[in-house]
Protein backbone atom coordinates (compact mmCIF):
# COMPACT_ATOMS: atom_id res chain seq x y z
CA MET A 1 -0.05 0.14 0.13
CA GLU A 2 0.69 3.84 -0.14
CA PRO A 3 0.72 6.01 2.12
CA GLU A 4 -2.01 7.89 0.64
CA GLN A 5 -4.90 4.48 0.80
CA ILE A 6 -4.11 4.55 4.58
CA THR A 7 -7.13 6.66 5.55
CA SER A 8 -9.59 7.07 8.63
CA GLU A 9 -11.97 4.92 6.78
CA TRP A 10 -9.88 2.60 5.61
CA LEU A 11 -8.39 2.08 9.15
CA SER A 12 -11.45 1.81 11.24
CA GLY A 13 -12.33 -1.08 8.43
CA VAL A 14 -9.52 -3.12 9.06
CA LEU A 15 -9.25 -2.21 13.28
CA GLY A 16 -13.17 -3.06 13.55
CA ALA A 17 -13.96 0.82 15.13
CA PRO A 18 -14.25 3.84 13.74
CA VAL A 19 -10.85 5.68 14.19
CA THR A 20 -9.90 9.52 13.09
CA ILE A 21 -6.08 9.90 11.72
CA THR A 22 -5.39 13.11 13.51
CA SER A 23 -1.49 13.53 12.73
CA ASP A 24 1.08 11.09 10.64
CA ARG A 25 5.18 11.38 10.01
CA ARG A 26 7.60 8.65 8.68
CA ILE A 27 9.77 7.25 11.07
CA GLY A 28 13.00 5.08 11.19
CA ASP A 29 15.66 4.78 8.13
CA GLY A 30 14.45 1.65 6.72
CA LEU A 31 15.97 0.38 4.15
CA VAL A 32 13.64 -1.97 2.09
CA GLY A 33 10.03 -1.12 4.01
CA MET A 34 9.35 2.42 5.01
CA ASN A 35 7.78 3.35 8.79
CA VAL A 36 4.98 5.47 9.13
CA ARG A 37 3.20 6.99 12.16
CA TYR A 38 -0.26 7.59 12.69
CA THR A 39 -1.81 9.37 16.15
CA LEU A 40 -5.57 8.07 16.06
CA ASP A 41 -8.53 9.41 18.03
CA VAL A 42 -9.99 5.97 18.87
CA PRO A 43 -13.47 5.65 20.59
CA ASP A 44 -14.04 5.18 24.66
CA GLY A 45 -13.76 1.38 25.60
CA SER A 46 -12.73 0.28 22.14
CA GLY A 47 -8.92 -1.10 23.32
CA LEU A 48 -7.22 0.46 20.68
CA PRO A 49 -3.87 2.39 20.97
CA GLY A 50 -3.58 6.12 20.15
CA SER A 51 -1.20 5.78 17.82
CA ILE A 52 -0.18 2.67 15.40
CA ILE A 53 2.81 2.10 13.09
CA ALA A 54 2.18 1.14 9.24
CA LYS A 55 4.64 -0.73 7.81
CA LEU A 56 4.65 -0.52 3.76
CA PRO A 57 6.97 -1.48 0.72
CA SER A 58 9.80 0.98 0.26
CA PRO A 59 9.17 4.22 -1.93
CA ASP A 60 12.64 3.74 -3.64
CA PRO A 61 12.21 1.75 -6.29
CA THR A 62 15.89 -0.24 -6.15
CA SER A 63 14.36 -0.97 -2.41
CA ARG A 64 11.60 -2.10 -3.42
CA ALA A 65 12.19 -4.48 -6.09
CA THR A 66 14.32 -6.11 -3.24
CA GLY A 67 11.95 -6.34 -0.96
CA ILE A 68 9.56 -7.69 -3.34
CA SER A 69 12.22 -10.18 -5.14
CA LEU A 70 13.47 -11.84 -2.45
CA ARG A 71 10.41 -11.95 -0.47
CA ASN A 72 10.97 -10.10 2.44
CA TYR A 73 7.06 -8.51 2.33
CA GLU A 74 5.62 -11.64 2.12
CA ARG A 75 7.76 -13.13 4.75
CA GLU A 76 7.09 -10.46 7.28
CA VAL A 77 3.75 -10.57 7.22
CA LYS A 78 3.83 -14.29 6.99
CA PHE A 79 5.99 -14.24 10.27
CA TYR A 80 3.27 -12.00 12.31
CA ASN A 81 0.82 -14.33 11.66
CA GLN A 82 2.11 -17.44 11.67
CA ILE A 83 5.10 -17.39 14.15
CA ALA A 84 5.18 -14.85 16.49
CA PRO A 85 2.34 -16.57 18.57
CA THR A 86 4.72 -19.63 18.88
CA VAL A 87 7.85 -17.87 20.15
CA ASP A 88 8.41 -16.14 23.32
CA VAL A 89 10.56 -13.01 22.01
CA CYS A 90 9.03 -9.57 22.58
CA VAL A 91 7.37 -8.20 18.78
CA ALA A 92 5.35 -5.43 18.26
CA ARG A 93 1.70 -6.67 18.50
CA CYS A 94 0.18 -6.98 15.46
CA TYR A 95 -3.38 -5.29 14.63
CA HIS A 96 -3.41 -6.41 10.59
CA GLY A 97 -1.49 -8.10 8.16
CA GLU A 98 -1.59 -8.37 4.49
CA TRP A 99 0.21 -9.04 1.77
CA HIS A 100 -0.49 -9.70 -1.77
CA PRO A 101 0.83 -12.61 -4.29
CA ASP A 102 -0.26 -10.66 -7.55
CA ASN A 103 2.09 -7.78 -7.37
CA GLY A 104 3.84 -8.05 -3.94
CA ASP A 105 2.37 -5.14 -2.21
CA PHE A 106 1.95 -5.27 1.50
CA VAL A 107 0.66 -3.80 4.97
CA LEU A 108 1.43 -4.25 8.35
CA LEU A 109 -0.31 -2.48 11.31
CA LEU A 110 1.76 -2.47 14.38
CA GLU A 111 2.06 -1.17 18.12
CA ASP A 112 3.32 1.77 18.24
CA LEU A 113 6.91 0.89 20.43
CA SER A 114 7.42 4.28 21.52
CA PRO A 115 8.84 5.60 23.56
CA ALA A 116 11.69 3.17 23.66
CA GLU A 117 14.20 4.07 21.17
CA GLN A 118 15.58 2.13 18.15
CA GLY A 119 19.27 0.53 18.62
CA ASN A 120 21.84 2.14 16.35
CA GLN A 121 23.90 0.55 14.23
CA ILE A 122 26.84 3.26 14.02
CA THR A 123 27.19 4.02 17.30
CA GLY A 124 27.19 0.38 18.64
CA CYS A 125 25.73 -0.72 22.01
CA THR A 126 27.09 -1.15 25.44
CA ALA A 127 27.82 -4.20 27.18
CA GLU A 128 24.61 -3.72 29.46
CA MET A 129 22.50 -3.60 26.10
CA ALA A 130 24.63 -6.54 24.46
CA ARG A 131 23.43 -8.33 26.96
CA ARG A 132 19.29 -7.56 26.70
CA SER A 133 20.00 -8.66 22.82
CA VAL A 134 21.33 -12.27 23.50
CA LEU A 135 19.55 -12.86 26.39
CA GLU A 136 16.44 -12.10 24.40
CA LEU A 137 17.47 -14.05 21.87
CA ALA A 138 17.06 -17.46 23.96
CA ARG A 139 13.32 -16.45 24.19
CA LEU A 140 13.00 -16.49 20.21
CA HIS A 141 15.30 -19.83 19.50
CA GLY A 142 14.04 -21.90 22.90
CA PRO A 143 10.54 -22.40 21.96
CA ARG A 144 11.37 -24.18 18.73
CA TRP A 145 14.73 -25.62 19.06
CA GLY A 146 15.18 -28.75 17.04
CA ASP A 147 11.52 -28.01 16.07
CA ALA A 148 11.26 -30.79 12.80
CA THR A 149 7.88 -29.03 11.82
CA LEU A 150 9.84 -25.86 10.73
CA ALA A 151 10.95 -28.10 7.90
CA ASP A 152 7.70 -27.82 6.56
CA ILE A 153 7.17 -23.96 6.92
CA GLU A 154 7.98 -22.99 2.56
CA PHE A 155 8.47 -19.36 3.79
CA LEU A 156 11.63 -19.31 6.03
CA GLU A 157 15.24 -19.15 4.36
CA ARG A 158 17.77 -21.64 4.53
CA ARG A 159 21.08 -21.80 3.54
CA ASP A 160 21.68 -25.49 2.51
CA ALA A 161 23.62 -27.58 -0.08
CA ASP A 162 20.93 -26.46 -2.53
CA SER A 163 21.42 -22.43 -1.92
CA ALA A 164 25.41 -22.85 -1.52
CA GLU A 165 26.14 -22.30 -5.30
CA ARG A 166 24.07 -20.04 -5.71
CA LEU A 167 24.70 -17.84 -3.09
CA HIS A 168 28.60 -18.29 -4.01
CA MET A 169 27.61 -16.87 -7.27
CA ILE A 170 25.59 -13.66 -5.83
CA TRP A 171 28.77 -12.69 -3.59
CA THR A 172 31.02 -12.71 -6.63
CA MET A 173 28.33 -10.91 -8.31
CA PHE A 174 28.60 -8.44 -5.45
CA VAL A 175 31.68 -8.12 -4.13
CA PRO A 176 33.61 -6.44 -6.47
CA GLY A 177 31.06 -3.40 -6.60
CA PHE A 178 31.46 -3.68 -2.48
CA LEU A 179 34.96 -3.36 -2.31
CA GLY A 180 34.46 -0.85 -4.82
CA VAL A 181 33.14 1.48 -2.22
CA TYR A 182 33.98 0.08 1.09
CA SER A 183 38.04 -1.47 0.78
CA LYS A 184 38.68 1.99 2.02
CA TYR A 185 37.39 1.34 5.49
CA LEU A 186 38.88 -2.25 5.93
CA ASP A 187 43.02 -2.85 6.13
CA ALA A 188 44.90 -5.09 3.98
CA GLU A 189 44.15 -8.38 6.27
CA GLY A 190 40.62 -7.83 5.75
CA ILE A 191 40.37 -7.25 2.24
CA ALA A 192 42.31 -10.28 1.70
CA LEU A 193 39.61 -12.37 3.66
CA VAL A 194 37.00 -11.36 1.71
CA GLU A 195 38.47 -11.80 -1.47
CA ARG A 196 39.96 -15.33 -0.11
CA PHE A 197 35.61 -16.05 1.48
CA GLY A 198 33.70 -16.64 -1.62
CA ASP A 199 35.21 -20.13 -2.82
CA ARG A 200 34.71 -21.75 1.12
CA ILE A 201 30.84 -20.66 1.24
CA PRO A 202 29.88 -23.76 0.14
CA ASP A 203 31.94 -25.84 2.69
CA TRP A 204 31.19 -22.96 5.02
CA ILE A 205 27.77 -23.76 4.70
CA ALA A 206 28.32 -27.61 4.70
CA GLY A 207 29.97 -27.66 8.19
CA ARG A 208 27.00 -26.35 10.37
CA SER A 209 26.53 -28.92 12.95
CA LEU A 210 23.72 -27.29 15.30
CA PRO A 211 20.05 -28.28 15.79
CA GLY A 212 17.79 -25.63 13.47
CA THR A 213 15.26 -23.22 15.25
CA VAL A 214 13.51 -20.15 14.50
CA THR A 215 15.86 -17.42 13.45
CA HIS A 216 15.86 -13.87 13.05
CA GLY A 217 18.19 -13.65 10.21
CA ASP A 218 19.20 -9.00 10.53
CA TYR A 219 19.02 -9.28 14.38
CA ARG A 220 21.37 -5.89 14.88
CA LEU A 221 21.15 -2.59 16.46
CA ASP A 222 18.80 -1.15 14.21
CA ASN A 223 15.95 -3.83 13.99
CA LEU A 224 16.00 -3.50 18.31
CA MET A 225 14.27 -1.34 20.20
CA PHE A 226 15.62 -0.41 24.07
CA GLY A 227 12.94 0.49 26.71
CA GLY A 228 14.36 3.27 29.33
CA GLU A 229 13.83 5.23 31.84
CA GLN A 230 10.58 6.84 29.99
CA GLY A 231 9.06 3.35 29.54
CA GLY A 232 8.87 1.19 26.42
CA HIS A 233 9.44 -3.04 26.65
CA PRO A 234 12.93 -3.87 28.03
CA ILE A 235 13.70 -4.86 24.45
CA ALA A 236 11.61 -5.29 21.30
CA VAL A 237 12.47 -6.69 18.06
CA VAL A 238 11.80 -5.95 14.94
CA ASP A 239 12.01 -6.25 10.69
CA TRP A 240 11.02 -9.53 10.83
CA GLN A 241 11.77 -9.32 6.93
CA THR A 242 14.30 -12.14 6.94
CA PRO A 243 12.97 -15.12 8.98
CA GLY A 244 14.74 -18.33 9.07
CA HIS A 245 15.27 -21.88 9.84
CA GLY A 246 18.50 -22.29 11.15
CA PRO A 247 21.28 -22.86 13.28
CA ALA A 248 20.70 -20.15 16.14
CA SER A 249 24.40 -19.36 16.66
CA GLY A 250 24.51 -17.03 13.25
CA ASP A 251 21.83 -14.78 15.13
CA VAL A 252 23.96 -14.80 18.02
CA ALA A 253 27.15 -14.33 15.95
CA TYR A 254 25.92 -11.78 13.58
CA PHE A 255 24.42 -9.51 16.59
CA MET A 256 27.34 -9.84 18.62
CA GLY A 257 29.91 -8.80 15.42
CA ALA A 258 28.74 -5.46 15.02
CA GLY A 259 26.50 -4.57 17.99
CA PRO A 260 29.00 -3.66 20.63
CA TRP A 261 32.35 -2.18 19.30
CA PRO A 262 34.97 -5.20 18.80
CA ASN A 263 36.75 -4.43 22.26
CA VAL A 264 33.70 -4.52 24.22
CA ARG A 265 32.48 -7.37 22.58
CA LYS A 266 35.97 -9.25 23.43
CA GLU A 267 35.61 -8.53 27.37
CA ILE A 268 32.22 -9.89 27.36
CA GLU A 269 31.81 -12.35 24.25
CA ARG A 270 32.81 -15.53 26.33
CA ASP A 271 30.73 -15.19 29.63
CA LEU A 272 27.59 -13.83 27.38
CA ILE A 273 27.40 -16.45 25.59
CA ALA A 274 27.51 -18.77 28.13
CA GLU A 275 24.54 -17.24 29.64
CA TYR A 276 22.29 -17.65 26.34
CA LEU A 277 22.84 -21.19 26.72
CA GLN A 278 22.15 -21.17 29.69
CA ALA A 279 18.74 -19.22 29.46
CA LEU A 280 18.04 -21.56 26.68
CA GLY A 281 17.78 -24.29 29.50
CA ALA A 282 14.59 -22.65 30.56
CA TYR A 283 13.21 -24.66 27.16
CA GLY A 284 15.22 -27.56 28.17
CA VAL A 285 17.42 -27.64 25.60
CA THR A 286 21.11 -28.56 26.29
CA VAL A 287 23.87 -27.28 23.81
CA ASP A 288 27.84 -28.44 24.23
CA GLU A 289 29.67 -24.71 25.42
CA ASN A 290 32.42 -25.54 23.24
CA GLU A 291 30.55 -26.50 19.57
CA PHE A 292 28.29 -23.96 20.14
CA PHE A 293 31.25 -21.39 20.50
CA GLN A 294 32.86 -23.21 17.53
CA GLN A 295 29.86 -22.55 15.10
CA TYR A 296 29.07 -19.23 16.29
CA SER A 297 32.60 -18.10 15.25
CA ARG A 298 32.49 -19.72 12.22
CA ASP A 299 29.12 -17.77 11.74
CA ALA A 300 30.66 -14.47 12.26
CA PHE A 301 31.20 -15.17 8.23
CA GLY A 302 27.46 -14.47 8.10
CA GLY A 303 27.82 -10.82 9.12
CA VAL A 304 30.84 -10.31 6.61
CA ILE A 305 28.41 -11.71 3.83
CA MET A 306 25.25 -9.38 5.28
CA ALA A 307 27.67 -6.80 4.82
CA VAL A 308 28.67 -7.14 1.19
CA VAL A 309 25.37 -8.57 -0.42
CA ALA A 310 23.15 -6.21 0.93
CA SER A 311 25.01 -2.78 0.63
CA GLN A 312 24.35 -3.88 -2.77
CA ILE A 313 21.07 -3.98 -3.29
CA VAL A 314 19.73 -1.56 -1.12
CA GLY A 315 18.98 2.33 -2.37
CA SER A 316 22.67 4.50 -1.11
CA SER A 317 22.44 6.83 1.14
CA ASP A 318 24.90 8.99 3.39
CA ARG A 319 23.34 6.97 6.08
CA SER A 320 23.46 3.63 4.55
CA GLU A 321 26.63 3.80 3.60
CA ALA A 322 27.71 4.73 7.25
CA MET A 323 26.06 1.70 8.37
CA PHE A 324 27.42 -0.43 5.83
CA ALA A 325 30.83 0.87 6.73
CA ALA A 326 30.22 -0.02 9.97
CA MET A 327 29.00 -3.59 9.77
CA ALA A 328 31.65 -4.32 7.58
CA THR A 329 34.83 -3.21 9.48
CA ARG A 330 33.04 -4.76 12.60
CA HIS A 331 32.17 -8.17 11.02
CA VAL A 332 35.48 -8.74 9.46
CA ARG A 333 37.23 -8.24 12.70
CA HIS A 334 35.13 -10.74 14.60
CA ALA A 335 35.64 -13.24 11.85
CA LEU A 336 39.25 -12.62 12.18
CA ASP A 337 39.82 -12.24 16.04
CA LEU A 338 37.92 -15.75 16.03
CA HIS A 339 40.33 -17.62 13.02
CA SER A 340 36.55 -18.18 11.72
CA GLU A 341 38.36 -18.71 8.24
CA SER A 342 40.59 -21.93 9.73
CA LEU A 343 36.91 -23.29 11.06
CA ILE A 344 35.37 -24.00 7.95
């Protein structure tokens, strides 16, 4: 949908009560989608909120085409409708979601999570914010850890032998453009790692050993909302455009690789992973810590892949370049610090 199609009449129909839009404002820096906050006049006793967030396709043609072709819009609607009720991770309440297979159009009406504030991928996070973020992942991963029925959910993303060659092809296609822009942010050791990794992708995917669960796929600071003194959920997770079925270590490594700055990450990494594994115990999940850390270390390359590929398929801006530069430098450093290449 386009923002102008969201009228008081349309909202009244899907929300089941007469509401009036009193103001609207675009929020966030969504690269693939667009978020608009609508302030509402609602009837007393309706149980409806005074504001709501509409998530819509990106107005940027490149980003919109990406969202449709990669099924991001479809997957997000289906996540809220089918997966969110089965896990414990804190997400925005979904009031309405629809996706149209004929043209890829979609709309989601979501809880306004303010006054919680969005994390910032560029500036990074504190050790406390990192702890909050990683422990929330246990609430996503734990409930459906090793759940065989996830294999029957077609829309969930997967990295398996069938996708390895395709990912290698995509990497080969995009890495020259990535290095053309971002090599100035990397040192020689980092550039050499990026140049070597492409041919290792099939072996990297084949070496995964942990059971599958529900994964977020883009679990980073820009997709997390943090409550504070003004209120809000302690943490809530947004942007479910890449939900997957795969090993939990990917989400944990992806967040830790570029959330805290490298010096902070090094100080808290092992202890925080141990605490995350302990939190999984609440769901009856037992994981060998050494095996998990090895898989986590290998999965540092997941962030490198995201930085290379995503930077080349969304609309460019000063903010997006700064964000991908932060991601690239930190994820590459993560892989180097953990000697991830030696584990493939």
